Amino acid sequence: MLRPEDRHDRSTRDTLNALKETGMVRVERRLKSGHQLWVLTEQGHKEAKGLLPRNVRISALCKQKYDTRGRAMTSTPPPSR
């Protein structure tokens, strides 16, 4: 879901937070603009594939990475040029 023109879209934020609580999405990282980049979790990806028609393409799953202590790691943004 990409809605850069919405500065105060409470409905989208509430929906994403509700999906986060159920384990369907997670925050991948915060962008330079201050916005958060949300991605589907493995559970959310599986659910979306089951709900969407077969002719709708869904992006590849970005699995969460963990450090040696089992803590979730966040992606780092690519270096700016």
Protein backbone atom coordinates (compact mmCIF):
# COMPACT_ATOMS: atom_id res chain seq x y z
CA MET A 1 0.00 0.00 0.00
CA LEU A 2 1.61 3.21 -1.10
CA ARG A 3 -0.12 6.49 -0.28
CA PRO A 4 2.55 9.21 -0.19
CA GLU A 5 0.02 11.98 -0.81
CA ASP A 6 -1.80 11.23 2.46
CA ARG A 7 -0.23 13.08 5.37
CA HIS A 8 -2.78 12.17 8.03
CA ASP A 9 -4.49 9.00 6.90
CA ARG A 10 -5.65 7.59 10.23
CA SER A 11 -7.66 4.82 8.53
CA THR A 12 -4.60 3.38 6.77
CA ARG A 13 -2.47 3.67 9.91
CA ASP A 14 -5.14 1.99 12.07
CA THR A 15 -5.56 -0.81 9.53
CA LEU A 16 -1.81 -1.47 9.30
CA ASN A 17 -1.48 -1.46 13.10
CA ALA A 18 -4.37 -3.93 13.40
CA LEU A 19 -2.73 -6.19 10.80
CA LYS A 20 0.57 -5.87 12.71
CA GLU A 21 -1.13 -7.07 15.92
CA THR A 22 -2.40 -10.17 14.10
CA GLY A 23 1.05 -10.88 12.63
CA MET A 24 0.12 -10.16 9.01
CA VAL A 25 2.47 -7.19 8.43
CA ARG A 26 5.57 -5.68 9.99
CA VAL A 27 7.57 -2.49 9.64
CA GLU A 28 10.62 -3.13 7.48
CA ARG A 29 12.27 0.26 8.02
CA ARG A 30 11.71 3.99 8.26
CA LEU A 31 12.37 5.98 5.11
CA LYS A 32 14.25 9.29 4.94
CA SER A 33 10.87 10.99 4.53
CA GLY A 34 9.88 9.69 7.95
CA HIS A 35 7.33 7.25 6.54
CA GLN A 36 7.45 3.60 7.52
CA LEU A 37 7.90 0.84 4.95
CA TRP A 38 5.50 -2.00 5.79
CA VAL A 39 5.80 -5.52 4.36
CA LEU A 40 3.75 -8.68 4.60
CA THR A 41 4.96 -11.34 7.03
CA GLU A 42 5.06 -14.98 5.98
CA GLN A 43 1.59 -15.42 7.51
CA GLY A 44 0.26 -12.31 5.74
CA HIS A 45 1.76 -13.40 2.43
CA LYS A 46 0.08 -16.81 2.69
CA GLU A 47 -3.26 -15.19 3.63
CA ALA A 48 -3.07 -12.71 0.73
CA LYS A 49 -2.33 -15.50 -1.76
CA GLY A 50 -5.42 -17.35 -0.55
CA LEU A 51 -7.70 -14.31 -0.79
CA LEU A 52 -6.60 -12.77 -4.08
CA PRO A 53 -7.64 -14.15 -7.48
CA ARG A 54 -5.00 -16.33 -9.13
CA ASN A 55 -4.37 -13.83 -11.91
CA VAL A 56 -3.22 -11.18 -9.38
CA ARG A 57 0.54 -11.19 -8.93
CA ILE A 58 1.86 -10.80 -5.40
CA SER A 59 5.37 -9.64 -4.61
CA ALA A 60 8.04 -11.99 -3.33
CA LEU A 61 8.18 -12.56 0.40
CA CYS A 62 10.81 -10.60 2.35
CA LYS A 63 11.53 -12.88 5.27
CA GLN A 64 12.52 -11.34 8.59
CA LYS A 65 16.22 -11.75 9.41
CA TYR A 66 17.46 -12.49 12.92
CA ASP A 67 20.82 -11.94 14.60
CA THR A 68 22.74 -14.65 16.47
CA ARG A 69 20.74 -13.95 19.64
CA GLY A 70 17.41 -14.43 17.87
CA ARG A 71 16.53 -10.73 17.79
CA ALA A 72 14.74 -9.42 14.72
CA MET A 73 17.00 -7.28 12.54
CA THR A 74 15.70 -4.33 10.55
CA SER A 75 16.87 -3.67 7.05
CA THR A 76 19.20 -0.78 6.53
CA PRO A 77 18.44 1.59 3.71
CA PRO A 78 20.85 1.56 0.78
CA PRO A 79 23.61 4.18 0.99
CA SER A 80 22.69 7.49 -0.59
CA ARG A 81 24.65 8.66 -3.59
